[in-house]
PDB file of N, CA and C in Angstrom:
ATOM      1  N   MET A   1      -1.098  13.432   0.581  1.00  0.00           N
ATOM      2  CA  MET A   1      -1.830  13.945   1.725  1.00  0.00           C
ATOM      3  C   MET A   1      -0.888  14.810   2.548  1.00  0.00           C
ATOM      4  N   HIS A   2      -1.363  15.935   2.944  1.00  0.00           N
ATOM      5  CA  HIS A   2      -0.568  16.851   3.752  1.00  0.00           C
ATOM      6  C   HIS A   2      -0.538  16.353   5.196  1.00  0.00           C
ATOM      7  N   PRO A   3       0.608  16.417   5.859  1.00  0.00           N
ATOM      8  CA  PRO A   3       0.691  15.895   7.236  1.00  0.00           C
ATOM      9  C   PRO A   3      -0.185  16.639   8.243  1.00  0.00           C
ATOM     10  N   ASP A   4      -0.618  17.851   7.915  1.00  0.00           N
ATOM     11  CA  ASP A   4      -1.474  18.608   8.833  1.00  0.00           C
ATOM     12  C   ASP A   4      -2.953  18.257   8.703  1.00  0.00           C
ATOM     13  N   TRP A   5      -3.316  17.501   7.666  1.00  0.00           N
ATOM     14  CA  TRP A   5      -4.720  17.154   7.477  1.00  0.00           C
ATOM     15  C   TRP A   5      -5.207  16.256   8.605  1.00  0.00           C
ATOM     16  N   ILE A   6      -6.416  16.508   9.052  1.00  0.00           N
ATOM     17  CA  ILE A   6      -7.031  15.757  10.148  1.00  0.00           C
ATOM     18  C   ILE A   6      -8.143  14.890   9.562  1.00  0.00           C
ATOM     19  N   GLU A   7      -8.043  13.580   9.775  1.00  0.00           N
ATOM     20  CA  GLU A   7      -9.061  12.650   9.265  1.00  0.00           C
ATOM     21  C   GLU A   7     -10.419  12.930   9.882  1.00  0.00           C
ATOM     22  N   HIS A   8     -11.456  12.731   9.074  1.00  0.00           N
ATOM     23  CA  HIS A   8     -12.822  12.747   9.607  1.00  0.00           C
ATOM     24  C   HIS A   8     -13.517  11.484   9.121  1.00  0.00           C
ATOM     25  N   ARG A   9     -14.047  10.731  10.061  1.00  0.00           N
ATOM     26  CA  ARG A   9     -14.719   9.467   9.750  1.00  0.00           C
ATOM     27  C   ARG A   9     -16.189   9.551  10.118  1.00  0.00           C
ATOM     28  N   ARG A  10     -16.988   8.815   9.370  1.00  0.00           N
ATOM     29  CA  ARG A  10     -18.428   8.750   9.632  1.00  0.00           C
ATOM     30  C   ARG A  10     -18.640   8.059  10.968  1.00  0.00           C
ATOM     31  N   GLY A  11     -19.511   8.625  11.788  1.00  0.00           N
ATOM     32  CA  GLY A  11     -19.744   8.094  13.123  1.00  0.00           C
ATOM     33  C   GLY A  11     -20.315   6.694  13.153  1.00  0.00           C
ATOM     34  N   ALA A  12     -21.221   6.372  12.251  1.00  0.00           N
ATOM     35  CA  ALA A  12     -21.924   5.089  12.296  1.00  0.00           C
ATOM     36  C   ALA A  12     -21.023   3.896  12.023  1.00  0.00           C
ATOM     37  N   ASP A  13     -20.111   4.027  11.068  1.00  0.00           N
ATOM     38  CA  ASP A  13     -19.303   2.862  10.682  1.00  0.00           C
ATOM     39  C   ASP A  13     -17.806   3.130  10.592  1.00  0.00           C
ATOM     40  N   GLY A  14     -17.387   4.341  10.880  1.00  0.00           N
ATOM     41  CA  GLY A  14     -15.962   4.654  10.854  1.00  0.00           C
ATOM     42  C   GLY A  14     -15.382   4.859   9.466  1.00  0.00           C
ATOM     43  N   GLU A  15     -16.229   4.925   8.436  1.00  0.00           N
ATOM     44  CA  GLU A  15     -15.759   5.130   7.058  1.00  0.00           C
ATOM     45  C   GLU A  15     -15.090   6.501   6.932  1.00  0.00           C
ATOM     46  N   LEU A  16     -13.902   6.538   6.335  1.00  0.00           N
ATOM     47  CA  LEU A  16     -13.210   7.799   6.100  1.00  0.00           C
ATOM     48  C   LEU A  16     -13.998   8.625   5.087  1.00  0.00           C
ATOM     49  N   LEU A  17     -14.315   9.864   5.452  1.00  0.00           N
ATOM     50  CA  LEU A  17     -15.063  10.755   4.566  1.00  0.00           C
ATOM     51  C   LEU A  17     -14.186  11.839   3.955  1.00  0.00           C
ATOM     52  N   GLY A  18     -13.031  12.085   4.551  1.00  0.00           N
ATOM     53  CA  GLY A  18     -12.147  13.135   4.063  1.00  0.00           C
ATOM     54  C   GLY A  18     -11.315  13.685   5.195  1.00  0.00           C
ATOM     55  N   TRP A  19     -10.847  14.903   4.987  1.00  0.00           N
ATOM     56  CA  TRP A  19      -9.949  15.520   5.951  1.00  0.00           C
ATOM     57  C   TRP A  19     -10.343  16.971   6.167  1.00  0.00           C
ATOM     58  N   MET A  20      -9.819  17.517   7.253  1.00  0.00           N
ATOM     59  CA  MET A  20      -9.951  18.937   7.527  1.00  0.00           C
ATOM     60  C   MET A  20      -8.534  19.493   7.585  1.00  0.00           C
ATOM     61  N   GLU A  21      -8.286  20.511   6.780  1.00  0.00           N
ATOM     62  CA  GLU A  21      -6.968  21.131   6.727  1.00  0.00           C
ATOM     63  C   GLU A  21      -7.000  22.420   7.540  1.00  0.00           C
ATOM     64  N   PRO A  22      -6.161  22.508   8.587  1.00  0.00           N
ATOM     65  CA  PRO A  22      -6.119  23.753   9.352  1.00  0.00           C
ATOM     66  C   PRO A  22      -5.768  24.931   8.432  1.00  0.00           C
ATOM     67  N   ALA A  23      -6.512  25.997   8.587  1.00  0.00           N
ATOM     68  CA  ALA A  23      -6.298  27.199   7.784  1.00  0.00           C
ATOM     69  C   ALA A  23      -6.616  28.405   8.646  1.00  0.00           C
ATOM     70  N   GLU A  24      -6.146  29.552   8.225  1.00  0.00           N
ATOM     71  CA  GLU A  24      -6.463  30.761   8.963  1.00  0.00           C
ATOM     72  C   GLU A  24      -7.978  30.930   8.989  1.00  0.00           C
ATOM     73  N   GLY A  25      -8.531  31.030  10.156  1.00  0.00           N
ATOM     74  CA  GLY A  25      -9.971  31.188  10.295  1.00  0.00           C
ATOM     75  C   GLY A  25     -10.727  29.886  10.450  1.00  0.00           C
ATOM     76  N   GLY A  26     -10.019  28.749  10.542  1.00  0.00           N
ATOM     77  CA  GLY A  26     -10.732  27.493  10.750  1.00  0.00           C
ATOM     78  C   GLY A  26     -10.124  26.325  10.011  1.00  0.00           C
ATOM     79  N   PHE A  27     -10.985  25.585   9.290  1.00  0.00           N
ATOM     80  CA  PHE A  27     -10.574  24.351   8.623  1.00  0.00           C
ATOM     81  C   PHE A  27     -11.198  24.289   7.235  1.00  0.00           C
ATOM     82  N   VAL A  28     -10.403  23.891   6.266  1.00  0.00           N
ATOM     83  CA  VAL A  28     -10.888  23.689   4.901  1.00  0.00           C
ATOM     84  C   VAL A  28     -11.201  22.206   4.738  1.00  0.00           C
ATOM     85  N   VAL A  29     -12.374  21.905   4.210  1.00  0.00           N
ATOM     86  CA  VAL A  29     -12.790  20.521   3.975  1.00  0.00           C
ATOM     87  C   VAL A  29     -12.080  19.996   2.726  1.00  0.00           C
ATOM     88  N   ILE A  30     -11.477  18.803   2.845  1.00  0.00           N
ATOM     89  CA  ILE A  30     -10.792  18.132   1.743  1.00  0.00           C
ATOM     90  C   ILE A  30     -11.497  16.799   1.504  1.00  0.00           C
ATOM     91  N   ASP A  31     -11.910  16.543   0.260  1.00  0.00           N
ATOM     92  CA  ASP A  31     -12.624  15.296  -0.022  1.00  0.00           C
ATOM     93  C   ASP A  31     -11.654  14.137  -0.243  1.00  0.00           C
ATOM     94  N   LEU A  32     -12.183  12.962  -0.527  1.00  0.00           N
ATOM     95  CA  LEU A  32     -11.359  11.758  -0.671  1.00  0.00           C
ATOM     96  C   LEU A  32     -10.496  11.760  -1.927  1.00  0.00           C
ATOM     97  N   LEU A  33     -10.732  12.723  -2.810  1.00  0.00           N
ATOM     98  CA  LEU A  33      -9.880  12.876  -3.990  1.00  0.00           C
ATOM     99  C   LEU A  33      -8.799  13.924  -3.752  1.00  0.00           C
ATOM    100  N   GLY A  34      -8.784  14.478  -2.517  1.00  0.00           N
ATOM    101  CA  GLY A  34      -7.776  15.473  -2.162  1.00  0.00           C
ATOM    102  C   GLY A  34      -8.104  16.875  -2.617  1.00  0.00           C
ATOM    103  N   ARG A  35      -9.361  17.111  -2.955  1.00  0.00           N
ATOM    104  CA  ARG A  35      -9.776  18.412  -3.457  1.00  0.00           C
ATOM    105  C   ARG A  35     -10.436  19.230  -2.355  1.00  0.00           C
ATOM    106  N   PRO A  36     -10.097  20.527  -2.247  1.00  0.00           N
ATOM    107  CA  PRO A  36     -10.783  21.389  -1.280  1.00  0.00           C
ATOM    108  C   PRO A  36     -12.254  21.511  -1.650  1.00  0.00           C
ATOM    109  N   ARG A  37     -13.122  21.436  -0.636  1.00  0.00           N
ATOM    110  CA  ARG A  37     -14.567  21.513  -0.884  1.00  0.00           C
ATOM    111  C   ARG A  37     -15.237  22.649  -0.125  1.00  0.00           C
ATOM    112  N   SER A  38     -14.439  23.489   0.541  1.00  0.00           N
ATOM    113  CA  SER A  38     -15.028  24.608   1.276  1.00  0.00           C
ATOM    114  C   SER A  38     -13.975  25.686   1.485  1.00  0.00           C
ATOM    115  N   ASP A  39     -14.455  26.839   1.896  1.00  0.00           N
ATOM    116  CA  ASP A  39     -13.567  27.857   2.440  1.00  0.00           C
ATOM    117  C   ASP A  39     -13.312  27.469   3.891  1.00  0.00           C
ATOM    118  N   ALA A  40     -12.572  28.277   4.620  1.00  0.00           N
ATOM    119  CA  ALA A  40     -12.316  27.992   6.031  1.00  0.00           C
ATOM    120  C   ALA A  40     -13.627  28.043   6.819  1.00  0.00           C
ATOM    121  N   LEU A  41     -13.864  26.970   7.577  1.00  0.00           N
ATOM    122  CA  LEU A  41     -15.064  26.836   8.410  1.00  0.00           C
ATOM    123  C   LEU A  41     -14.639  26.539   9.832  1.00  0.00           C
ATOM    124  N   ASP A  42     -15.553  26.740  10.783  1.00  0.00           N
ATOM    125  CA  ASP A  42     -15.223  26.297  12.135  1.00  0.00           C
ATOM    126  C   ASP A  42     -15.275  24.765  12.165  1.00  0.00           C
ATOM    127  N   TRP A  43     -14.745  24.185  13.233  1.00  0.00           N
ATOM    128  CA  TRP A  43     -14.598  22.726  13.339  1.00  0.00           C
ATOM    129  C   TRP A  43     -15.918  21.993  13.086  1.00  0.00           C
ATOM    130  N   LEU A  44     -16.970  22.411  13.786  1.00  0.00           N
ATOM    131  CA  LEU A  44     -18.254  21.726  13.671  1.00  0.00           C
ATOM    132  C   LEU A  44     -18.815  21.827  12.251  1.00  0.00           C
ATOM    133  N   ALA A  45     -18.737  23.000  11.649  1.00  0.00           N
ATOM    134  CA  ALA A  45     -19.237  23.169  10.280  1.00  0.00           C
ATOM    135  C   ALA A  45     -18.430  22.323   9.294  1.00  0.00           C
ATOM    136  N   ALA A  46     -17.130  22.197   9.510  1.00  0.00           N
ATOM    137  CA  ALA A  46     -16.298  21.356   8.636  1.00  0.00           C
ATOM    138  C   ALA A  46     -16.713  19.892   8.762  1.00  0.00           C
ATOM    139  N   GLU A  47     -16.931  19.437   9.995  1.00  0.00           N
ATOM    140  CA  GLU A  47     -17.394  18.056  10.194  1.00  0.00           C
ATOM    141  C   GLU A  47     -18.757  17.830   9.540  1.00  0.00           C
ATOM    142  N   GLU A  48     -19.664  18.773   9.724  1.00  0.00           N
ATOM    143  CA  GLU A  48     -20.999  18.653   9.131  1.00  0.00           C
ATOM    144  C   GLU A  48     -20.929  18.649   7.606  1.00  0.00           C
ATOM    145  N   THR A  49     -20.024  19.433   7.043  1.00  0.00           N
ATOM    146  CA  THR A  49     -19.862  19.470   5.589  1.00  0.00           C
ATOM    147  C   THR A  49     -19.385  18.123   5.072  1.00  0.00           C
ATOM    148  N   LEU A  50     -18.407  17.522   5.747  1.00  0.00           N
ATOM    149  CA  LEU A  50     -17.927  16.197   5.333  1.00  0.00           C
ATOM    150  C   LEU A  50     -19.014  15.140   5.497  1.00  0.00           C
ATOM    151  N   ASP A  51     -19.762  15.207   6.588  1.00  0.00           N
ATOM    152  CA  ASP A  51     -20.859  14.251   6.789  1.00  0.00           C
ATOM    153  C   ASP A  51     -21.894  14.374   5.668  1.00  0.00           C
ATOM    154  N   ALA A  52     -22.233  15.603   5.295  1.00  0.00           N
ATOM    155  CA  ALA A  52     -23.219  15.822   4.234  1.00  0.00           C
ATOM    156  C   ALA A  52     -22.668  15.404   2.868  1.00  0.00           C
ATOM    157  N   LEU A  53     -21.387  15.621   2.654  1.00  0.00           N
ATOM    158  CA  LEU A  53     -20.754  15.245   1.386  1.00  0.00           C
ATOM    159  C   LEU A  53     -20.757  13.732   1.211  1.00  0.00           C
ATOM    160  N   GLY A  54     -20.460  13.009   2.285  1.00  0.00           N
ATOM    161  CA  GLY A  54     -20.451  11.551   2.224  1.00  0.00           C
ATOM    162  C   GLY A  54     -19.431  11.022   1.234  1.00  0.00           C
ATOM    163  N   ILE A  55     -19.764   9.869   0.622  1.00  0.00           N
ATOM    164  CA  ILE A  55     -18.870   9.274  -0.373  1.00  0.00           C
ATOM    165  C   ILE A  55     -19.581   9.022  -1.708  1.00  0.00           C
ATOM    166  N   GLY A  56     -20.836   9.394  -1.802  1.00  0.00           N
ATOM    167  CA  GLY A  56     -21.617   9.126  -3.005  1.00  0.00           C
ATOM    168  C   GLY A  56     -21.031   9.723  -4.273  1.00  0.00           C
ATOM    169  N   TYR A  57     -20.349  10.867  -4.151  1.00  0.00           N
ATOM    170  CA  TYR A  57     -19.767  11.511  -5.329  1.00  0.00           C
ATOM    171  C   TYR A  57     -18.727  10.624  -6.006  1.00  0.00           C
ATOM    172  N   LEU A  58     -18.150   9.671  -5.265  1.00  0.00           N
ATOM    173  CA  LEU A  58     -17.171   8.757  -5.862  1.00  0.00           C
ATOM    174  C   LEU A  58     -17.829   7.845  -6.902  1.00  0.00           C
ATOM    175  N   GLY A  59     -19.117   7.613  -6.784  1.00  0.00           N
ATOM    176  CA  GLY A  59     -19.838   6.768  -7.729  1.00  0.00           C
ATOM    177  C   GLY A  59     -20.342   7.500  -8.959  1.00  0.00           C
ATOM    178  N   GLU A  60     -20.215   8.805  -8.965  1.00  0.00           N
ATOM    179  CA  GLU A  60     -20.665   9.596 -10.113  1.00  0.00           C
ATOM    180  C   GLU A  60     -19.676   9.456 -11.270  1.00  0.00           C
ATOM    181  N   PRO A  61     -20.152   9.592 -12.511  1.00  0.00           N
ATOM    182  CA  PRO A  61     -19.229   9.516 -13.648  1.00  0.00           C
ATOM    183  C   PRO A  61     -18.255  10.693 -13.663  1.00  0.00           C
ATOM    184  N   HIS A  62     -17.053  10.400 -14.078  1.00  0.00           N
ATOM    185  CA  HIS A  62     -15.998  11.397 -14.237  1.00  0.00           C
ATOM    186  C   HIS A  62     -15.458  11.286 -15.655  1.00  0.00           C
ATOM    187  N   GLU A  63     -14.613  12.212 -16.017  1.00  0.00           N
ATOM    188  CA  GLU A  63     -13.923  12.095 -17.288  1.00  0.00           C
ATOM    189  C   GLU A  63     -12.439  12.314 -17.061  1.00  0.00           C
ATOM    190  N   LEU A  64     -11.657  11.611 -17.864  1.00  0.00           N
ATOM    191  CA  LEU A  64     -10.203  11.626 -17.771  1.00  0.00           C
ATOM    192  C   LEU A  64      -9.648  12.036 -19.127  1.00  0.00           C
ATOM    193  N   ARG A  65      -8.743  13.016 -19.110  1.00  0.00           N
ATOM    194  CA  ARG A  65      -8.088  13.417 -20.355  1.00  0.00           C
ATOM    195  C   ARG A  65      -6.835  12.573 -20.529  1.00  0.00           C
ATOM    196  N   LEU A  66      -6.776  11.870 -21.635  1.00  0.00           N
ATOM    197  CA  LEU A  66      -5.624  11.032 -21.941  1.00  0.00           C
ATOM    198  C   LEU A  66      -4.477  11.887 -22.484  1.00  0.00           C
ATOM    199  N   ASP A  67      -3.299  11.284 -22.594  1.00  0.00           N
ATOM    200  CA  ASP A  67      -2.141  12.000 -23.136  1.00  0.00           C
ATOM    201  C   ASP A  67      -2.392  12.497 -24.557  1.00  0.00           C
ATOM    202  N   THR A  68      -3.287  11.850 -25.269  1.00  0.00           N
ATOM    203  CA  THR A  68      -3.629  12.253 -26.644  1.00  0.00           C
ATOM    204  C   THR A  68      -4.502  13.505 -26.678  1.00  0.00           C
ATOM    205  N   GLY A  69      -5.023  13.908 -25.513  1.00  0.00           N
ATOM    206  CA  GLY A  69      -5.936  15.043 -25.435  1.00  0.00           C
ATOM    207  C   GLY A  69      -7.394  14.632 -25.445  1.00  0.00           C
ATOM    208  N   GLU A  70      -7.653  13.364 -25.734  1.00  0.00           N
ATOM    209  CA  GLU A  70      -9.027  12.845 -25.766  1.00  0.00           C
ATOM    210  C   GLU A  70      -9.559  12.706 -24.338  1.00  0.00           C
ATOM    211  N   TRP A  71     -10.825  13.083 -24.140  1.00  0.00           N
ATOM    212  CA  TRP A  71     -11.506  12.885 -22.862  1.00  0.00           C
ATOM    213  C   TRP A  71     -12.309  11.593 -22.950  1.00  0.00           C
ATOM    214  N   ILE A  72     -12.189  10.740 -21.928  1.00  0.00           N
ATOM    215  CA  ILE A  72     -12.994   9.521 -21.882  1.00  0.00           C
ATOM    216  C   ILE A  72     -13.773   9.483 -20.578  1.00  0.00           C
ATOM    217  N   ARG A  73     -14.903   8.825 -20.620  1.00  0.00           N
ATOM    218  CA  ARG A  73     -15.755   8.666 -19.441  1.00  0.00           C
ATOM    219  C   ARG A  73     -15.183   7.538 -18.589  1.00  0.00           C
ATOM    220  N   VAL A  74     -15.041   7.803 -17.278  1.00  0.00           N
ATOM    221  CA  VAL A  74     -14.484   6.816 -16.354  1.00  0.00           C
ATOM    222  C   VAL A  74     -15.309   6.767 -15.077  1.00  0.00           C
ATOM    223  N   ARG A  75     -15.075   5.716 -14.317  1.00  0.00           N
ATOM    224  CA  ARG A  75     -15.645   5.556 -12.976  1.00  0.00           C
ATOM    225  C   ARG A  75     -14.490   5.361 -11.998  1.00  0.00           C
ATOM    226  N   ILE A  76     -14.607   5.946 -10.828  1.00  0.00           N
ATOM    227  CA  ILE A  76     -13.577   5.781  -9.801  1.00  0.00           C
ATOM    228  C   ILE A  76     -13.752   4.413  -9.161  1.00  0.00           C
ATOM    229  N   THR A  77     -12.660   3.661  -9.079  1.00  0.00           N
ATOM    230  CA  THR A  77     -12.707   2.345  -8.444  1.00  0.00           C
ATOM    231  C   THR A  77     -11.985   2.337  -7.108  1.00  0.00           C
ATOM    232  N   GLU A  78     -10.997   3.199  -6.927  1.00  0.00           N
ATOM    233  CA  GLU A  78     -10.260   3.302  -5.667  1.00  0.00           C
ATOM    234  C   GLU A  78      -9.799   4.741  -5.491  1.00  0.00           C
ATOM    235  N   ALA A  79      -9.811   5.206  -4.249  1.00  0.00           N
ATOM    236  CA  ALA A  79      -9.294   6.544  -3.951  1.00  0.00           C
ATOM    237  C   ALA A  79      -8.590   6.497  -2.609  1.00  0.00           C
ATOM    238  N   SER A  80      -7.327   6.870  -2.603  1.00  0.00           N
ATOM    239  CA  SER A  80      -6.555   6.941  -1.364  1.00  0.00           C
ATOM    240  C   SER A  80      -5.400   7.901  -1.590  1.00  0.00           C
ATOM    241  N   PRO A  81      -4.722   8.306  -0.527  1.00  0.00           N
ATOM    242  CA  PRO A  81      -3.556   9.173  -0.699  1.00  0.00           C
ATOM    243  C   PRO A  81      -2.431   8.526  -1.520  1.00  0.00           C
ATOM    244  N   ARG A  82      -2.488   7.222  -1.736  1.00  0.00           N
ATOM    245  CA  ARG A  82      -1.483   6.545  -2.566  1.00  0.00           C
ATOM    246  C   ARG A  82      -1.770   6.715  -4.055  1.00  0.00           C
ATOM    247  N   GLY A  83      -2.991   7.096  -4.408  1.00  0.00           N
ATOM    248  CA  GLY A  83      -3.361   7.293  -5.803  1.00  0.00           C
ATOM    249  C   GLY A  83      -4.840   7.054  -6.015  1.00  0.00           C
ATOM    250  N   ILE A  84      -5.295   7.409  -7.194  1.00  0.00           N
ATOM    251  CA  ILE A  84      -6.702   7.261  -7.556  1.00  0.00           C
ATOM    252  C   ILE A  84      -6.762   6.362  -8.784  1.00  0.00           C
ATOM    253  N   ARG A  85      -7.533   5.299  -8.679  1.00  0.00           N
ATOM    254  CA  ARG A  85      -7.660   4.354  -9.789  1.00  0.00           C
ATOM    255  C   ARG A  85      -9.051   4.512 -10.392  1.00  0.00           C
ATOM    256  N   VAL A  86      -9.081   4.594 -11.712  1.00  0.00           N
ATOM    257  CA  VAL A  86     -10.343   4.720 -12.435  1.00  0.00           C
ATOM    258  C   VAL A  86     -10.382   3.663 -13.532  1.00  0.00           C
ATOM    259  N   LYS A  87     -11.591   3.350 -13.966  1.00  0.00           N
ATOM    260  CA  LYS A  87     -11.728   2.434 -15.108  1.00  0.00           C
ATOM    261  C   LYS A  87     -12.599   3.088 -16.154  1.00  0.00           C
ATOM    262  N   GLN A  88     -12.263   2.809 -17.393  1.00  0.00           N
ATOM    263  CA  GLN A  88     -13.068   3.340 -18.484  1.00  0.00           C
ATOM    264  C   GLN A  88     -14.483   2.809 -18.330  1.00  0.00           C
ATOM    265  N   ASP A  89     -15.443   3.706 -18.427  1.00  0.00           N
ATOM    266  CA  ASP A  89     -16.841   3.315 -18.257  1.00  0.00           C
ATOM    267  C   ASP A  89     -17.256   2.462 -19.447  1.00  0.00           C
ATOM    268  N   ASP A  90     -17.649   1.221 -19.154  1.00  0.00           N
ATOM    269  CA  ASP A  90     -18.039   0.294 -20.219  1.00  0.00           C
ATOM    270  C   ASP A  90     -19.531  -0.028 -20.155  1.00  0.00           C
ATOM    271  N   TRP A  91     -20.264   0.687 -19.329  1.00  0.00           N
ATOM    272  CA  TRP A  91     -21.711   0.532 -19.176  1.00  0.00           C
ATOM    273  C   TRP A  91     -22.096  -0.922 -18.899  1.00  0.00           C
ATOM    274  N   GLY A  92     -21.250  -1.612 -18.129  1.00  0.00           N
ATOM    275  CA  GLY A  92     -21.562  -2.977 -17.721  1.00  0.00           C
ATOM    276  C   GLY A  92     -21.125  -4.059 -18.687  1.00  0.00           C
ATOM    277  N   ALA A  93     -20.393  -3.719 -19.728  1.00  0.00           N
ATOM    278  CA  ALA A  93     -19.997  -4.708 -20.737  1.00  0.00           C
ATOM    279  C   ALA A  93     -19.062  -5.780 -20.179  1.00  0.00           C
ATOM    280  N   GLN A  94     -18.401  -5.498 -19.044  1.00  0.00           N
ATOM    281  CA  GLN A  94     -17.527  -6.523 -18.456  1.00  0.00           C
ATOM    282  C   GLN A  94     -18.328  -7.752 -18.042  1.00  0.00           C
ATOM    283  N   ALA A  95     -19.628  -7.582 -17.831  1.00  0.00           N
ATOM    284  CA  ALA A  95     -20.476  -8.715 -17.444  1.00  0.00           C
ATOM    285  C   ALA A  95     -20.572  -9.757 -18.555  1.00  0.00           C
ATOM    286  N   VAL A  96     -20.315  -9.348 -19.787  1.00  0.00           N
ATOM    287  CA  VAL A  96     -20.359 -10.293 -20.910  1.00  0.00           C
ATOM    288  C   VAL A  96     -18.963 -10.546 -21.476  1.00  0.00           C
ATOM    289  N   GLY A  97     -17.947 -10.268 -20.659  1.00  0.00           N
ATOM    290  CA  GLY A  97     -16.586 -10.622 -21.030  1.00  0.00           C
ATOM    291  C   GLY A  97     -15.752  -9.540 -21.679  1.00  0.00           C
ATOM    292  N   SER A  98     -16.271  -8.350 -21.807  1.00  0.00           N
ATOM    293  CA  SER A  98     -15.485  -7.263 -22.387  1.00  0.00           C
ATOM    294  C   SER A  98     -14.347  -6.896 -21.433  1.00  0.00           C
ATOM    295  N   PRO A  99     -13.146  -6.629 -21.947  1.00  0.00           N
ATOM    296  CA  PRO A  99     -12.029  -6.293 -21.057  1.00  0.00           C
ATOM    297  C   PRO A  99     -12.250  -4.945 -20.373  1.00  0.00           C
ATOM    298  N   GLN A 100     -11.707  -4.824 -19.175  1.00  0.00           N
ATOM    299  CA  GLN A 100     -11.776  -3.577 -18.432  1.00  0.00           C
ATOM    300  C   GLN A 100     -10.457  -2.833 -18.617  1.00  0.00           C
ATOM    301  N   VAL A 101     -10.538  -1.514 -18.753  1.00  0.00           N
ATOM    302  CA  VAL A 101      -9.356  -0.685 -18.948  1.00  0.00           C
ATOM    303  C   VAL A 101      -9.235   0.249 -17.747  1.00  0.00           C
ATOM    304  N   PHE A 102      -8.116   0.130 -17.017  1.00  0.00           N
ATOM    305  CA  PHE A 102      -7.886   0.915 -15.807  1.00  0.00           C
ATOM    306  C   PHE A 102      -6.788   1.948 -16.030  1.00  0.00           C
ATOM    307  N   PHE A 103      -6.874   3.043 -15.277  1.00  0.00           N
ATOM    308  CA  PHE A 103      -5.858   4.090 -15.273  1.00  0.00           C
ATOM    309  C   PHE A 103      -5.621   4.482 -13.821  1.00  0.00           C
ATOM    310  N   THR A 104      -4.405   4.887 -13.500  1.00  0.00           N
ATOM    311  CA  THR A 104      -4.085   5.391 -12.169  1.00  0.00           C
ATOM    312  C   THR A 104      -3.581   6.817 -12.306  1.00  0.00           C
ATOM    313  N   VAL A 105      -4.132   7.704 -11.487  1.00  0.00           N
ATOM    314  CA  VAL A 105      -3.686   9.097 -11.463  1.00  0.00           C
ATOM    315  C   VAL A 105      -3.246   9.434 -10.051  1.00  0.00           C
ATOM    316  N   GLU A 106      -2.490  10.506  -9.942  1.00  0.00           N
ATOM    317  CA  GLU A 106      -1.934  10.886  -8.648  1.00  0.00           C
ATOM    318  C   GLU A 106      -3.002  11.477  -7.720  1.00  0.00           C
ATOM    319  N   PHE A 107      -2.657  11.525  -6.463  1.00  0.00           N
ATOM    320  CA  PHE A 107      -3.458  12.156  -5.415  1.00  0.00           C
ATOM    321  C   PHE A 107      -2.680  13.386  -4.971  1.00  0.00           C
ATOM    322  N   PRO A 108      -3.329  14.521  -4.795  1.00  0.00           N
ATOM    323  CA  PRO A 108      -4.736  14.792  -5.040  1.00  0.00           C
ATOM    324  C   PRO A 108      -5.069  14.719  -6.527  1.00  0.00           C
ATOM    325  N   ALA A 109      -6.350  14.541  -6.794  1.00  0.00           N
ATOM    326  CA  ALA A 109      -6.810  14.378  -8.175  1.00  0.00           C
ATOM    327  C   ALA A 109      -6.333  15.548  -9.033  1.00  0.00           C
ATOM    328  N   PRO A 110      -5.749  15.234 -10.181  1.00  0.00           N
ATOM    329  CA  PRO A 110      -5.280  16.288 -11.080  1.00  0.00           C
ATOM    330  C   PRO A 110      -6.440  16.896 -11.874  1.00  0.00           C
ATOM    331  N   ALA A 111      -6.168  17.998 -12.541  1.00  0.00           N
ATOM    332  CA  ALA A 111      -7.199  18.680 -13.332  1.00  0.00           C
ATOM    333  C   ALA A 111      -7.683  17.827 -14.500  1.00  0.00           C
ATOM    334  N   HIS A 112      -6.884  16.849 -14.934  1.00  0.00           N
ATOM    335  CA  HIS A 112      -7.324  16.024 -16.069  1.00  0.00           C
ATOM    336  C   HIS A 112      -8.226  14.861 -15.639  1.00  0.00           C
ATOM    337  N   LEU A 113      -8.641  14.870 -14.370  1.00  0.00           N
ATOM    338  CA  LEU A 113      -9.713  13.992 -13.888  1.00  0.00           C
ATOM    339  C   LEU A 113     -10.762  14.908 -13.284  1.00  0.00           C
ATOM    340  N   ARG A 114     -11.933  14.912 -13.879  1.00  0.00           N
ATOM    341  CA  ARG A 114     -12.962  15.841 -13.396  1.00  0.00           C
ATOM    342  C   ARG A 114     -14.337  15.192 -13.477  1.00  0.00           C
ATOM    343  N   PRO A 115     -15.251  15.647 -12.608  1.00  0.00           N
ATOM    344  CA  PRO A 115     -16.616  15.125 -12.662  1.00  0.00           C
ATOM    345  C   PRO A 115     -17.287  15.540 -13.967  1.00  0.00           C
ATOM    346  N   ILE A 116     -18.155  14.672 -14.456  1.00  0.00           N
ATOM    347  CA  ILE A 116     -18.982  15.040 -15.605  1.00  0.00           C
ATOM    348  C   ILE A 116     -20.173  15.802 -15.054  1.00  0.00           C
ATOM    349  N   MET A 117     -20.382  16.970 -15.552  1.00  0.00           N
ATOM    350  CA  MET A 117     -21.495  17.783 -15.083  1.00  0.00           C
ATOM    351  C   MET A 117     -22.795  17.215 -15.635  1.00  0.00           C
ATOM    352  N   ARG A 118     -23.803  17.177 -14.803  1.00  0.00           N
ATOM    353  CA  ARG A 118     -25.109  16.677 -15.245  1.00  0.00           C
ATOM    354  C   ARG A 118     -25.569  17.466 -16.468  1.00  0.00           C
ATOM    355  N   GLY A 119     -26.134  16.736 -17.418  1.00  0.00           N
ATOM    356  CA  GLY A 119     -26.626  17.383 -18.624  1.00  0.00           C
ATOM    357  C   GLY A 119     -25.609  17.434 -19.752  1.00  0.00           C
ATOM    358  N   THR A 120     -24.361  17.011 -19.476  1.00  0.00           N
ATOM    359  CA  THR A 120     -23.374  16.947 -20.549  1.00  0.00           C
ATOM    360  C   THR A 120     -23.152  15.492 -20.901  1.00  0.00           C
ATOM    361  N   ALA A 121     -23.007  15.216 -22.137  1.00  0.00           N
ATOM    362  CA  ALA A 121     -22.807  13.829 -22.581  1.00  0.00           C
ATOM    363  C   ALA A 121     -21.384  13.655 -23.076  1.00  0.00           C
ATOM    364  N   ARG A 122     -20.789  12.563 -22.690  1.00  0.00           N
ATOM    365  CA  ARG A 122     -19.448  12.191 -23.180  1.00  0.00           C
ATOM    366  C   ARG A 122     -19.475  10.723 -23.440  1.00  0.00           C
TER     367      ARG A 122
END
């Protein structure tokens, strides 16, 4: 996390939604994975963008490229400036005793962790 980033929290419950990075012409919205989500906006527009973004995207499926070059489907389990933890998507098999496989990647999220685009199967 950059020391100039300004936290933005949801008004209702204080949940951290991301940060605003001062930039020429305003503030760039940074999500909880450390990724820029806007061009420079004024303060109010940056806050509104983070409020609209929320945290739901963290529950969406992602894919992680392993050192072997293979892409696997994962789910984000933790996201903070200390790192991002994901688990291999097992479609609920842990409920019947299947082992869970976790990976930790650096923050901000690297290019080898990316959202799965709707309509693509992995």
